[in-house]
Amino acid sequence: MIATDPDGIIRLMNPIAEALTGWKMNEAIGKPLESIFKIISEGTNIKIENPVTKVLRDDMFYGLADHTVLITKEGMKRDVDIIGSAIKIDGNNIIGVVLIFYDITGRNRIDEIMKNI
């Protein structure tokens, strides 16, 4: 999980986000999300829309693109699913964005194996 302010500046990361991105929270705090959470579309390697922008436009989302890939600090690629939601107070005042993401690389490998059986 990564939480940002409305401008996409990282304010919080949990240990799983640290492990998946390769960035420690103390390194990431205060940096723009896109500098830490680099995501592309598998196959095309095209950069995917900033999740903060999508949340601010749509209020929440599940998934950004087919086959979303996270590029870690070390350059490893991990297949991920992402859920994003606005953090609100007083009804509609957005004070930030929360991203929940998880590694689905193993699941995708199993799916490919099953297709070839």
PDB file of N, CA and C in Angstrom:
ATOM      1  N   MET A   1       0.841  -1.164   0.000  1.00  0.00           N
ATOM      2  CA  MET A   1       0.000   0.000   0.000  1.00  0.00           C
ATOM      3  C   MET A   1       0.893   1.236   0.000  1.00  0.00           C
ATOM      4  N   ILE A   2       0.520   2.159  -0.846  1.00  0.00           N
ATOM      5  CA  ILE A   2       1.177   3.470  -0.876  1.00  0.00           C
ATOM      6  C   ILE A   2       0.084   4.518  -0.754  1.00  0.00           C
ATOM      7  N   ALA A   3       0.306   5.511   0.088  1.00  0.00           N
ATOM      8  CA  ALA A   3      -0.612   6.640   0.203  1.00  0.00           C
ATOM      9  C   ALA A   3       0.116   7.904  -0.222  1.00  0.00           C
ATOM     10  N   THR A   4      -0.597   8.734  -0.969  1.00  0.00           N
ATOM     11  CA  THR A   4      -0.034   9.999  -1.442  1.00  0.00           C
ATOM     12  C   THR A   4      -0.946  11.150  -1.031  1.00  0.00           C
ATOM     13  N   ASP A   5      -0.448  12.348  -1.180  1.00  0.00           N
ATOM     14  CA  ASP A   5      -1.315  13.516  -1.059  1.00  0.00           C
ATOM     15  C   ASP A   5      -1.988  13.725  -2.420  1.00  0.00           C
ATOM     16  N   PRO A   6      -2.876  14.704  -2.568  1.00  0.00           N
ATOM     17  CA  PRO A   6      -3.572  14.884  -3.853  1.00  0.00           C
ATOM     18  C   PRO A   6      -2.653  15.233  -5.024  1.00  0.00           C
ATOM     19  N   ASP A   7      -1.439  15.690  -4.726  1.00  0.00           N
ATOM     20  CA  ASP A   7      -0.482  16.021  -5.779  1.00  0.00           C
ATOM     21  C   ASP A   7       0.376  14.827  -6.179  1.00  0.00           C
ATOM     22  N   GLY A   8       0.117  13.661  -5.568  1.00  0.00           N
ATOM     23  CA  GLY A   8       0.872  12.463  -5.917  1.00  0.00           C
ATOM     24  C   GLY A   8       2.197  12.329  -5.200  1.00  0.00           C
ATOM     25  N   ILE A   9       2.387  13.079  -4.127  1.00  0.00           N
ATOM     26  CA  ILE A   9       3.618  12.987  -3.335  1.00  0.00           C
ATOM     27  C   ILE A   9       3.422  11.884  -2.291  1.00  0.00           C
ATOM     28  N   ILE A  10       4.353  10.966  -2.226  1.00  0.00           N
ATOM     29  CA  ILE A  10       4.235   9.823  -1.318  1.00  0.00           C
ATOM     30  C   ILE A  10       4.319  10.287   0.129  1.00  0.00           C
ATOM     31  N   ARG A  11       3.357   9.825   0.923  1.00  0.00           N
ATOM     32  CA  ARG A  11       3.297  10.156   2.347  1.00  0.00           C
ATOM     33  C   ARG A  11       3.457   8.923   3.233  1.00  0.00           C
ATOM     34  N   LEU A  12       3.178   7.721   2.681  1.00  0.00           N
ATOM     35  CA  LEU A  12       3.239   6.503   3.482  1.00  0.00           C
ATOM     36  C   LEU A  12       3.392   5.291   2.567  1.00  0.00           C
ATOM     37  N   MET A  13       4.183   4.330   3.017  1.00  0.00           N
ATOM     38  CA  MET A  13       4.324   3.037   2.327  1.00  0.00           C
ATOM     39  C   MET A  13       4.348   1.956   3.400  1.00  0.00           C
ATOM     40  N   ASN A  14       3.696   0.832   3.135  1.00  0.00           N
ATOM     41  CA  ASN A  14       3.802  -0.260   4.096  1.00  0.00           C
ATOM     42  C   ASN A  14       4.972  -1.170   3.703  1.00  0.00           C
ATOM     43  N   PRO A  15       5.360  -2.101   4.579  1.00  0.00           N
ATOM     44  CA  PRO A  15       6.510  -2.971   4.286  1.00  0.00           C
ATOM     45  C   PRO A  15       6.356  -3.806   3.016  1.00  0.00           C
ATOM     46  N   ILE A  16       5.143  -4.195   2.674  1.00  0.00           N
ATOM     47  CA  ILE A  16       4.956  -4.982   1.445  1.00  0.00           C
ATOM     48  C   ILE A  16       5.231  -4.110   0.224  1.00  0.00           C
ATOM     49  N   ALA A  17       4.800  -2.855   0.263  1.00  0.00           N
ATOM     50  CA  ALA A  17       5.106  -1.936  -0.836  1.00  0.00           C
ATOM     51  C   ALA A  17       6.607  -1.727  -0.956  1.00  0.00           C
ATOM     52  N   GLU A  18       7.288  -1.652   0.178  1.00  0.00           N
ATOM     53  CA  GLU A  18       8.744  -1.534   0.152  1.00  0.00           C
ATOM     54  C   GLU A  18       9.360  -2.748  -0.543  1.00  0.00           C
ATOM     55  N   ALA A  19       8.891  -3.938  -0.178  1.00  0.00           N
ATOM     56  CA  ALA A  19       9.438  -5.168  -0.757  1.00  0.00           C
ATOM     57  C   ALA A  19       9.153  -5.262  -2.256  1.00  0.00           C
ATOM     58  N   LEU A  20       7.958  -4.877  -2.674  1.00  0.00           N
ATOM     59  CA  LEU A  20       7.598  -4.993  -4.092  1.00  0.00           C
ATOM     60  C   LEU A  20       8.284  -3.941  -4.959  1.00  0.00           C
ATOM     61  N   THR A  21       8.460  -2.734  -4.440  1.00  0.00           N
ATOM     62  CA  THR A  21       9.075  -1.669  -5.244  1.00  0.00           C
ATOM     63  C   THR A  21      10.590  -1.630  -5.124  1.00  0.00           C
ATOM     64  N   GLY A  22      11.118  -2.163  -4.003  1.00  0.00           N
ATOM     65  CA  GLY A  22      12.549  -2.084  -3.749  1.00  0.00           C
ATOM     66  C   GLY A  22      12.959  -0.790  -3.067  1.00  0.00           C
ATOM     67  N   TRP A  23      12.014   0.080  -2.771  1.00  0.00           N
ATOM     68  CA  TRP A  23      12.277   1.364  -2.112  1.00  0.00           C
ATOM     69  C   TRP A  23      11.882   1.286  -0.650  1.00  0.00           C
ATOM     70  N   LYS A  24      12.707   1.799   0.232  1.00  0.00           N
ATOM     71  CA  LYS A  24      12.368   1.926   1.643  1.00  0.00           C
ATOM     72  C   LYS A  24      11.503   3.173   1.830  1.00  0.00           C
ATOM     73  N   MET A  25      10.619   3.104   2.813  1.00  0.00           N
ATOM     74  CA  MET A  25       9.712   4.224   3.031  1.00  0.00           C
ATOM     75  C   MET A  25      10.477   5.526   3.245  1.00  0.00           C
ATOM     76  N   ASN A  26      11.548   5.494   4.022  1.00  0.00           N
ATOM     77  CA  ASN A  26      12.282   6.741   4.295  1.00  0.00           C
ATOM     78  C   ASN A  26      12.925   7.322   3.030  1.00  0.00           C
ATOM     79  N   GLU A  27      13.162   6.494   2.007  1.00  0.00           N
ATOM     80  CA  GLU A  27      13.685   6.987   0.726  1.00  0.00           C
ATOM     81  C   GLU A  27      12.568   7.579  -0.139  1.00  0.00           C
ATOM     82  N   ALA A  28      11.370   7.023  -0.002  1.00  0.00           N
ATOM     83  CA  ALA A  28      10.262   7.370  -0.889  1.00  0.00           C
ATOM     84  C   ALA A  28       9.432   8.553  -0.405  1.00  0.00           C
ATOM     85  N   ILE A  29       9.354   8.748   0.893  1.00  0.00           N
ATOM     86  CA  ILE A  29       8.530   9.830   1.447  1.00  0.00           C
ATOM     87  C   ILE A  29       8.957  11.165   0.847  1.00  0.00           C
ATOM     88  N   GLY A  30       7.956  11.910   0.377  1.00  0.00           N
ATOM     89  CA  GLY A  30       8.226  13.233  -0.178  1.00  0.00           C
ATOM     90  C   GLY A  30       8.534  13.240  -1.665  1.00  0.00           C
ATOM     91  N   LYS A  31       8.644  12.057  -2.264  1.00  0.00           N
ATOM     92  CA  LYS A  31       8.927  11.978  -3.698  1.00  0.00           C
ATOM     93  C   LYS A  31       7.630  11.759  -4.485  1.00  0.00           C
ATOM     94  N   PRO A  32       7.600  12.196  -5.748  1.00  0.00           N
ATOM     95  CA  PRO A  32       6.431  11.943  -6.576  1.00  0.00           C
ATOM     96  C   PRO A  32       6.240  10.429  -6.784  1.00  0.00           C
ATOM     97  N   LEU A  33       4.993   9.998  -6.773  1.00  0.00           N
ATOM     98  CA  LEU A  33       4.673   8.588  -6.942  1.00  0.00           C
ATOM     99  C   LEU A  33       5.352   8.008  -8.175  1.00  0.00           C
ATOM    100  N   GLU A  34       5.309   8.725  -9.289  1.00  0.00           N
ATOM    101  CA  GLU A  34       5.849   8.199 -10.543  1.00  0.00           C
ATOM    102  C   GLU A  34       7.354   7.949 -10.495  1.00  0.00           C
ATOM    103  N   SER A  35       8.063   8.565  -9.575  1.00  0.00           N
ATOM    104  CA  SER A  35       9.502   8.310  -9.488  1.00  0.00           C
ATOM    105  C   SER A  35       9.799   7.015  -8.727  1.00  0.00           C
ATOM    106  N   ILE A  36       8.841   6.509  -7.974  1.00  0.00           N
ATOM    107  CA  ILE A  36       9.008   5.301  -7.180  1.00  0.00           C
ATOM    108  C   ILE A  36       8.191   4.147  -7.756  1.00  0.00           C
ATOM    109  N   PHE A  37       6.979   4.438  -8.161  1.00  0.00           N
ATOM    110  CA  PHE A  37       6.016   3.439  -8.629  1.00  0.00           C
ATOM    111  C   PHE A  37       5.943   3.515 -10.151  1.00  0.00           C
ATOM    112  N   LYS A  38       6.934   2.899 -10.804  1.00  0.00           N
ATOM    113  CA  LYS A  38       7.037   2.955 -12.266  1.00  0.00           C
ATOM    114  C   LYS A  38       6.284   1.768 -12.853  1.00  0.00           C
ATOM    115  N   ILE A  39       5.230   2.068 -13.609  1.00  0.00           N
ATOM    116  CA  ILE A  39       4.401   1.001 -14.175  1.00  0.00           C
ATOM    117  C   ILE A  39       4.279   1.174 -15.685  1.00  0.00           C
ATOM    118  N   ILE A  40       4.317   0.029 -16.361  1.00  0.00           N
ATOM    119  CA  ILE A  40       4.207  -0.007 -17.812  1.00  0.00           C
ATOM    120  C   ILE A  40       3.216  -1.100 -18.202  1.00  0.00           C
ATOM    121  N   SER A  41       2.817  -1.071 -19.449  1.00  0.00           N
ATOM    122  CA  SER A  41       1.985  -2.129 -20.005  1.00  0.00           C
ATOM    123  C   SER A  41       2.898  -3.198 -20.589  1.00  0.00           C
ATOM    124  N   GLU A  42       2.704  -4.444 -20.140  1.00  0.00           N
ATOM    125  CA  GLU A  42       3.542  -5.544 -20.612  1.00  0.00           C
ATOM    126  C   GLU A  42       3.429  -5.688 -22.129  1.00  0.00           C
ATOM    127  N   GLY A  43       4.505  -6.003 -22.757  1.00  0.00           N
ATOM    128  CA  GLY A  43       4.514  -6.197 -24.205  1.00  0.00           C
ATOM    129  C   GLY A  43       4.835  -4.919 -24.955  1.00  0.00           C
ATOM    130  N   THR A  44       4.115  -3.841 -24.643  1.00  0.00           N
ATOM    131  CA  THR A  44       4.353  -2.579 -25.342  1.00  0.00           C
ATOM    132  C   THR A  44       5.400  -1.727 -24.628  1.00  0.00           C
ATOM    133  N   ASN A  45       5.591  -1.978 -23.330  1.00  0.00           N
ATOM    134  CA  ASN A  45       6.488  -1.176 -22.485  1.00  0.00           C
ATOM    135  C   ASN A  45       6.108   0.300 -22.452  1.00  0.00           C
ATOM    136  N   ILE A  46       4.845   0.596 -22.747  1.00  0.00           N
ATOM    137  CA  ILE A  46       4.358   1.969 -22.707  1.00  0.00           C
ATOM    138  C   ILE A  46       3.983   2.315 -21.272  1.00  0.00           C
ATOM    139  N   LYS A  47       4.419   3.493 -20.838  1.00  0.00           N
ATOM    140  CA  LYS A  47       4.113   3.978 -19.498  1.00  0.00           C
ATOM    141  C   LYS A  47       2.594   4.086 -19.337  1.00  0.00           C
ATOM    142  N   ILE A  48       2.107   3.621 -18.193  1.00  0.00           N
ATOM    143  CA  ILE A  48       0.677   3.648 -17.903  1.00  0.00           C
ATOM    144  C   ILE A  48       0.333   4.952 -17.188  1.00  0.00           C
ATOM    145  N   GLU A  49      -0.903   5.385 -17.355  1.00  0.00           N
ATOM    146  CA  GLU A  49      -1.383   6.609 -16.710  1.00  0.00           C
ATOM    147  C   GLU A  49      -1.058   6.615 -15.212  1.00  0.00           C
ATOM    148  N   ASN A  50      -0.687   7.767 -14.712  1.00  0.00           N
ATOM    149  CA  ASN A  50      -0.412   7.935 -13.293  1.00  0.00           C
ATOM    150  C   ASN A  50      -1.668   7.546 -12.506  1.00  0.00           C
ATOM    151  N   PRO A  51      -1.550   6.599 -11.565  1.00  0.00           N
ATOM    152  CA  PRO A  51      -2.720   6.167 -10.798  1.00  0.00           C
ATOM    153  C   PRO A  51      -3.385   7.292 -10.014  1.00  0.00           C
ATOM    154  N   VAL A  52      -2.614   8.264  -9.550  1.00  0.00           N
ATOM    155  CA  VAL A  52      -3.199   9.387  -8.812  1.00  0.00           C
ATOM    156  C   VAL A  52      -4.121  10.183  -9.730  1.00  0.00           C
ATOM    157  N   THR A  53      -3.687  10.427 -10.955  1.00  0.00           N
ATOM    158  CA  THR A  53      -4.508  11.140 -11.926  1.00  0.00           C
ATOM    159  C   THR A  53      -5.819  10.400 -12.160  1.00  0.00           C
ATOM    160  N   LYS A  54      -5.743   9.083 -12.307  1.00  0.00           N
ATOM    161  CA  LYS A  54      -6.949   8.277 -12.548  1.00  0.00           C
ATOM    162  C   LYS A  54      -7.894   8.338 -11.355  1.00  0.00           C
ATOM    163  N   VAL A  55      -7.368   8.245 -10.140  1.00  0.00           N
ATOM    164  CA  VAL A  55      -8.224   8.317  -8.951  1.00  0.00           C
ATOM    165  C   VAL A  55      -8.881   9.690  -8.847  1.00  0.00           C
ATOM    166  N   LEU A  56      -8.128  10.748  -9.068  1.00  0.00           N
ATOM    167  CA  LEU A  56      -8.697  12.084  -8.964  1.00  0.00           C
ATOM    168  C   LEU A  56      -9.796  12.309 -10.004  1.00  0.00           C
ATOM    169  N   ARG A  57      -9.679  11.666 -11.152  1.00  0.00           N
ATOM    170  CA  ARG A  57     -10.689  11.781 -12.205  1.00  0.00           C
ATOM    171  C   ARG A  57     -11.889  10.872 -11.932  1.00  0.00           C
ATOM    172  N   ASP A  58     -11.618   9.604 -11.521  1.00  0.00           N
ATOM    173  CA  ASP A  58     -12.682   8.596 -11.426  1.00  0.00           C
ATOM    174  C   ASP A  58     -13.096   8.247  -9.998  1.00  0.00           C
ATOM    175  N   ASP A  59     -12.431   8.791  -9.003  1.00  0.00           N
ATOM    176  CA  ASP A  59     -12.686   8.542  -7.590  1.00  0.00           C
ATOM    177  C   ASP A  59     -12.091   7.216  -7.108  1.00  0.00           C
ATOM    178  N   MET A  60     -12.124   6.199  -7.955  1.00  0.00           N
ATOM    179  CA  MET A  60     -11.499   4.924  -7.619  1.00  0.00           C
ATOM    180  C   MET A  60     -11.357   4.100  -8.892  1.00  0.00           C
ATOM    181  N   PHE A  61     -10.526   3.059  -8.839  1.00  0.00           N
ATOM    182  CA  PHE A  61     -10.386   2.164  -9.987  1.00  0.00           C
ATOM    183  C   PHE A  61      -9.911   0.808  -9.508  1.00  0.00           C
ATOM    184  N   TYR A  62     -10.141  -0.179 -10.346  1.00  0.00           N
ATOM    185  CA  TYR A  62      -9.550  -1.505 -10.160  1.00  0.00           C
ATOM    186  C   TYR A  62      -8.866  -1.848 -11.465  1.00  0.00           C
ATOM    187  N   GLY A  63      -7.551  -1.927 -11.443  1.00  0.00           N
ATOM    188  CA  GLY A  63      -6.772  -2.214 -12.647  1.00  0.00           C
ATOM    189  C   GLY A  63      -6.593  -0.983 -13.502  1.00  0.00           C
ATOM    190  N   LEU A  64      -5.417  -0.852 -14.055  1.00  0.00           N
ATOM    191  CA  LEU A  64      -5.114   0.285 -14.923  1.00  0.00           C
ATOM    192  C   LEU A  64      -5.045  -0.113 -16.383  1.00  0.00           C
ATOM    193  N   ALA A  65      -4.457  -1.259 -16.644  1.00  0.00           N
ATOM    194  CA  ALA A  65      -4.284  -1.727 -18.017  1.00  0.00           C
ATOM    195  C   ALA A  65      -4.136  -3.239 -17.980  1.00  0.00           C
ATOM    196  N   ASP A  66      -4.386  -3.871 -19.103  1.00  0.00           N
ATOM    197  CA  ASP A  66      -4.122  -5.306 -19.170  1.00  0.00           C
ATOM    198  C   ASP A  66      -2.634  -5.528 -18.986  1.00  0.00           C
ATOM    199  N   HIS A  67      -2.296  -6.443 -18.119  1.00  0.00           N
ATOM    200  CA  HIS A  67      -0.908  -6.836 -17.905  1.00  0.00           C
ATOM    201  C   HIS A  67      -0.027  -5.664 -17.473  1.00  0.00           C
ATOM    202  N   THR A  68      -0.366  -5.098 -16.336  1.00  0.00           N
ATOM    203  CA  THR A  68       0.417  -4.011 -15.760  1.00  0.00           C
ATOM    204  C   THR A  68       1.680  -4.570 -15.120  1.00  0.00           C
ATOM    205  N   VAL A  69       2.802  -3.932 -15.399  1.00  0.00           N
ATOM    206  CA  VAL A  69       4.097  -4.368 -14.885  1.00  0.00           C
ATOM    207  C   VAL A  69       4.713  -3.231 -14.070  1.00  0.00           C
ATOM    208  N   LEU A  70       5.164  -3.579 -12.860  1.00  0.00           N
ATOM    209  CA  LEU A  70       5.869  -2.648 -11.986  1.00  0.00           C
ATOM    210  C   LEU A  70       7.363  -2.854 -12.180  1.00  0.00           C
ATOM    211  N   ILE A  71       8.095  -1.770 -12.419  1.00  0.00           N
ATOM    212  CA  ILE A  71       9.548  -1.828 -12.536  1.00  0.00           C
ATOM    213  C   ILE A  71      10.117  -1.454 -11.164  1.00  0.00           C
ATOM    214  N   THR A  72      10.846  -2.371 -10.537  1.00  0.00           N
ATOM    215  CA  THR A  72      11.385  -2.123  -9.205  1.00  0.00           C
ATOM    216  C   THR A  72      12.590  -1.186  -9.269  1.00  0.00           C
ATOM    217  N   LYS A  73      13.022  -0.758  -8.120  1.00  0.00           N
ATOM    218  CA  LYS A  73      14.206   0.100  -8.021  1.00  0.00           C
ATOM    219  C   LYS A  73      15.410  -0.553  -8.687  1.00  0.00           C
ATOM    220  N   GLU A  74      15.495  -1.885  -8.580  1.00  0.00           N
ATOM    221  CA  GLU A  74      16.619  -2.633  -9.157  1.00  0.00           C
ATOM    222  C   GLU A  74      16.407  -2.984 -10.625  1.00  0.00           C
ATOM    223  N   GLY A  75      15.244  -2.626 -11.194  1.00  0.00           N
ATOM    224  CA  GLY A  75      14.967  -2.898 -12.597  1.00  0.00           C
ATOM    225  C   GLY A  75      14.247  -4.214 -12.856  1.00  0.00           C
ATOM    226  N   MET A  76      13.886  -4.941 -11.792  1.00  0.00           N
ATOM    227  CA  MET A  76      13.101  -6.164 -11.971  1.00  0.00           C
ATOM    228  C   MET A  76      11.689  -5.802 -12.400  1.00  0.00           C
ATOM    229  N   LYS A  77      11.051  -6.718 -13.116  1.00  0.00           N
ATOM    230  CA  LYS A  77       9.667  -6.512 -13.530  1.00  0.00           C
ATOM    231  C   LYS A  77       8.761  -7.470 -12.766  1.00  0.00           C
ATOM    232  N   ARG A  78       7.689  -6.907 -12.220  1.00  0.00           N
ATOM    233  CA  ARG A  78       6.697  -7.698 -11.490  1.00  0.00           C
ATOM    234  C   ARG A  78       5.324  -7.411 -12.069  1.00  0.00           C
ATOM    235  N   ASP A  79       4.583  -8.467 -12.399  1.00  0.00           N
ATOM    236  CA  ASP A  79       3.198  -8.299 -12.816  1.00  0.00           C
ATOM    237  C   ASP A  79       2.394  -7.908 -11.580  1.00  0.00           C
ATOM    238  N   VAL A  80       1.576  -6.865 -11.701  1.00  0.00           N
ATOM    239  CA  VAL A  80       0.809  -6.396 -10.550  1.00  0.00           C
ATOM    240  C   VAL A  80      -0.634  -6.103 -10.926  1.00  0.00           C
ATOM    241  N   ASP A  81      -1.504  -6.254  -9.947  1.00  0.00           N
ATOM    242  CA  ASP A  81      -2.862  -5.727  -9.994  1.00  0.00           C
ATOM    243  C   ASP A  81      -2.888  -4.551  -9.047  1.00  0.00           C
ATOM    244  N   ILE A  82      -3.635  -3.517  -9.414  1.00  0.00           N
ATOM    245  CA  ILE A  82      -3.651  -2.285  -8.627  1.00  0.00           C
ATOM    246  C   ILE A  82      -5.094  -1.843  -8.401  1.00  0.00           C
ATOM    247  N   ILE A  83      -5.367  -1.430  -7.176  1.00  0.00           N
ATOM    248  CA  ILE A  83      -6.641  -0.810  -6.821  1.00  0.00           C
ATOM    249  C   ILE A  83      -6.313   0.564  -6.265  1.00  0.00           C
ATOM    250  N   GLY A  84      -7.019   1.573  -6.706  1.00  0.00           N
ATOM    251  CA  GLY A  84      -6.789   2.921  -6.213  1.00  0.00           C
ATOM    252  C   GLY A  84      -8.072   3.556  -5.733  1.00  0.00           C
ATOM    253  N   SER A  85      -7.965   4.367  -4.700  1.00  0.00           N
ATOM    254  CA  SER A  85      -9.144   5.037  -4.153  1.00  0.00           C
ATOM    255  C   SER A  85      -8.745   6.373  -3.543  1.00  0.00           C
ATOM    256  N   ALA A  86      -9.674   7.313  -3.610  1.00  0.00           N
ATOM    257  CA  ALA A  86      -9.459   8.617  -2.985  1.00  0.00           C
ATOM    258  C   ALA A  86      -9.594   8.491  -1.474  1.00  0.00           C
ATOM    259  N   ILE A  87      -8.803   9.266  -0.755  1.00  0.00           N
ATOM    260  CA  ILE A  87      -8.934   9.401   0.698  1.00  0.00           C
ATOM    261  C   ILE A  87      -9.665  10.722   0.914  1.00  0.00           C
ATOM    262  N   LYS A  88     -10.846  10.647   1.539  1.00  0.00           N
ATOM    263  CA  LYS A  88     -11.683  11.845   1.678  1.00  0.00           C
ATOM    264  C   LYS A  88     -11.985  12.146   3.138  1.00  0.00           C
ATOM    265  N   ILE A  89     -12.189  13.424   3.389  1.00  0.00           N
ATOM    266  CA  ILE A  89     -12.743  13.861   4.665  1.00  0.00           C
ATOM    267  C   ILE A  89     -13.912  14.785   4.348  1.00  0.00           C
ATOM    268  N   ASP A  90     -14.808  14.918   5.267  1.00  0.00           N
ATOM    269  CA  ASP A  90     -15.961  15.812   5.101  1.00  0.00           C
ATOM    270  C   ASP A  90     -16.706  15.568   3.792  1.00  0.00           C
ATOM    271  N   GLY A  91     -16.893  14.304   3.454  1.00  0.00           N
ATOM    272  CA  GLY A  91     -17.683  13.977   2.261  1.00  0.00           C
ATOM    273  C   GLY A  91     -16.902  13.925   0.984  1.00  0.00           C
ATOM    274  N   ASN A  92     -16.580  15.071   0.411  1.00  0.00           N
ATOM    275  CA  ASN A  92     -15.941  15.078  -0.907  1.00  0.00           C
ATOM    276  C   ASN A  92     -14.564  15.713  -0.950  1.00  0.00           C
ATOM    277  N   ASN A  93     -14.019  16.147   0.154  1.00  0.00           N
ATOM    278  CA  ASN A  93     -12.701  16.777   0.149  1.00  0.00           C
ATOM    279  C   ASN A  93     -11.620  15.712   0.091  1.00  0.00           C
ATOM    280  N   ILE A  94     -10.965  15.620  -1.062  1.00  0.00           N
ATOM    281  CA  ILE A  94      -9.913  14.618  -1.255  1.00  0.00           C
ATOM    282  C   ILE A  94      -8.622  15.123  -0.622  1.00  0.00           C
ATOM    283  N   ILE A  95      -8.106  14.314   0.313  1.00  0.00           N
ATOM    284  CA  ILE A  95      -6.851  14.690   0.966  1.00  0.00           C
ATOM    285  C   ILE A  95      -5.698  13.798   0.527  1.00  0.00           C
ATOM    286  N   GLY A  96      -6.012  12.804  -0.301  1.00  0.00           N
ATOM    287  CA  GLY A  96      -4.961  11.923  -0.769  1.00  0.00           C
ATOM    288  C   GLY A  96      -5.506  10.768  -1.580  1.00  0.00           C
ATOM    289  N   VAL A  97      -4.597   9.860  -1.905  1.00  0.00           N
ATOM    290  CA  VAL A  97      -4.916   8.681  -2.705  1.00  0.00           C
ATOM    291  C   VAL A  97      -4.234   7.490  -2.056  1.00  0.00           C
ATOM    292  N   VAL A  98      -4.936   6.370  -2.035  1.00  0.00           N
ATOM    293  CA  VAL A  98      -4.333   5.141  -1.553  1.00  0.00           C
ATOM    294  C   VAL A  98      -4.305   4.140  -2.703  1.00  0.00           C
ATOM    295  N   LEU A  99      -3.159   3.481  -2.869  1.00  0.00           N
ATOM    296  CA  LEU A  99      -2.990   2.438  -3.883  1.00  0.00           C
ATOM    297  C   LEU A  99      -2.691   1.130  -3.172  1.00  0.00           C
ATOM    298  N   ILE A 100      -3.482   0.141  -3.478  1.00  0.00           N
ATOM    299  CA  ILE A 100      -3.251  -1.214  -2.988  1.00  0.00           C
ATOM    300  C   ILE A 100      -2.811  -2.008  -4.212  1.00  0.00           C
ATOM    301  N   PHE A 101      -1.684  -2.674  -4.108  1.00  0.00           N
ATOM    302  CA  PHE A 101      -1.208  -3.448  -5.246  1.00  0.00           C
ATOM    303  C   PHE A 101      -0.562  -4.730  -4.758  1.00  0.00           C
ATOM    304  N   TYR A 102      -0.605  -5.724  -5.628  1.00  0.00           N
ATOM    305  CA  TYR A 102      -0.040  -7.016  -5.249  1.00  0.00           C
ATOM    306  C   TYR A 102       0.572  -7.692  -6.460  1.00  0.00           C
ATOM    307  N   ASP A 103       1.565  -8.506  -6.171  1.00  0.00           N
ATOM    308  CA  ASP A 103       2.330  -9.215  -7.193  1.00  0.00           C
ATOM    309  C   ASP A 103       1.521 -10.406  -7.696  1.00  0.00           C
ATOM    310  N   ILE A 104       1.262 -10.442  -8.994  1.00  0.00           N
ATOM    311  CA  ILE A 104       0.528 -11.569  -9.588  1.00  0.00           C
ATOM    312  C   ILE A 104       1.397 -12.324 -10.594  1.00  0.00           C
ATOM    313  N   THR A 105       2.704 -12.157 -10.497  1.00  0.00           N
ATOM    314  CA  THR A 105       3.623 -12.810 -11.432  1.00  0.00           C
ATOM    315  C   THR A 105       3.430 -14.323 -11.414  1.00  0.00           C
ATOM    316  N   GLY A 106       3.380 -14.929 -10.235  1.00  0.00           N
ATOM    317  CA  GLY A 106       3.208 -16.380 -10.129  1.00  0.00           C
ATOM    318  C   GLY A 106       1.895 -16.835 -10.728  1.00  0.00           C
ATOM    319  N   ARG A 107       0.829 -16.110 -10.451  1.00  0.00           N
ATOM    320  CA  ARG A 107      -0.481 -16.462 -11.007  1.00  0.00           C
ATOM    321  C   ARG A 107      -0.465 -16.406 -12.529  1.00  0.00           C
ATOM    322  N   ASN A 108       0.189 -15.387 -13.081  1.00  0.00           N
ATOM    323  CA  ASN A 108       0.256 -15.267 -14.536  1.00  0.00           C
ATOM    324  C   ASN A 108       1.063 -16.404 -15.158  1.00  0.00           C
ATOM    325  N   ARG A 109       2.130 -16.828 -14.494  1.00  0.00           N
ATOM    326  CA  ARG A 109       2.926 -17.962 -14.995  1.00  0.00           C
ATOM    327  C   ARG A 109       2.100 -19.240 -15.010  1.00  0.00           C
ATOM    328  N   ILE A 110       1.341 -19.455 -13.947  1.00  0.00           N
ATOM    329  CA  ILE A 110       0.483 -20.648 -13.888  1.00  0.00           C
ATOM    330  C   ILE A 110      -0.557 -20.600 -14.999  1.00  0.00           C
ATOM    331  N   ASP A 111      -1.158 -19.422 -15.216  1.00  0.00           N
ATOM    332  CA  ASP A 111      -2.138 -19.272 -16.299  1.00  0.00           C
ATOM    333  C   ASP A 111      -1.537 -19.621 -17.649  1.00  0.00           C
ATOM    334  N   GLU A 112      -0.304 -19.179 -17.905  1.00  0.00           N
ATOM    335  CA  GLU A 112       0.364 -19.490 -19.177  1.00  0.00           C
ATOM    336  C   GLU A 112       0.626 -20.984 -19.317  1.00  0.00           C
ATOM    337  N   ILE A 113       1.060 -21.616 -18.239  1.00  0.00           N
ATOM    338  CA  ILE A 113       1.302 -23.062 -18.274  1.00  0.00           C
ATOM    339  C   ILE A 113       0.004 -23.802 -18.566  1.00  0.00           C
ATOM    340  N   MET A 114      -1.059 -23.396 -17.918  1.00  0.00           N
ATOM    341  CA  MET A 114      -2.361 -24.055 -18.112  1.00  0.00           C
ATOM    342  C   MET A 114      -2.878 -23.884 -19.537  1.00  0.00           C
ATOM    343  N   LYS A 115      -2.592 -22.767 -20.156  1.00  0.00           N
ATOM    344  CA  LYS A 115      -3.013 -22.547 -21.556  1.00  0.00           C
ATOM    345  C   LYS A 115      -2.312 -23.512 -22.502  1.00  0.00           C
ATOM    346  N   ASN A 116      -1.091 -23.906 -22.145  1.00  0.00           N
ATOM    347  CA  ASN A 116      -0.282 -24.756 -23.029  1.00  0.00           C
ATOM    348  C   ASN A 116      -0.449 -26.252 -22.755  1.00  0.00           C
ATOM    349  N   ILE A 117      -1.318 -26.585 -21.837  1.00  0.00           N
ATOM    350  CA  ILE A 117      -1.514 -28.017 -21.527  1.00  0.00           C
ATOM    351  C   ILE A 117      -2.604 -28.570 -22.408  1.00  0.00           C
TER     352      ILE A 117
END
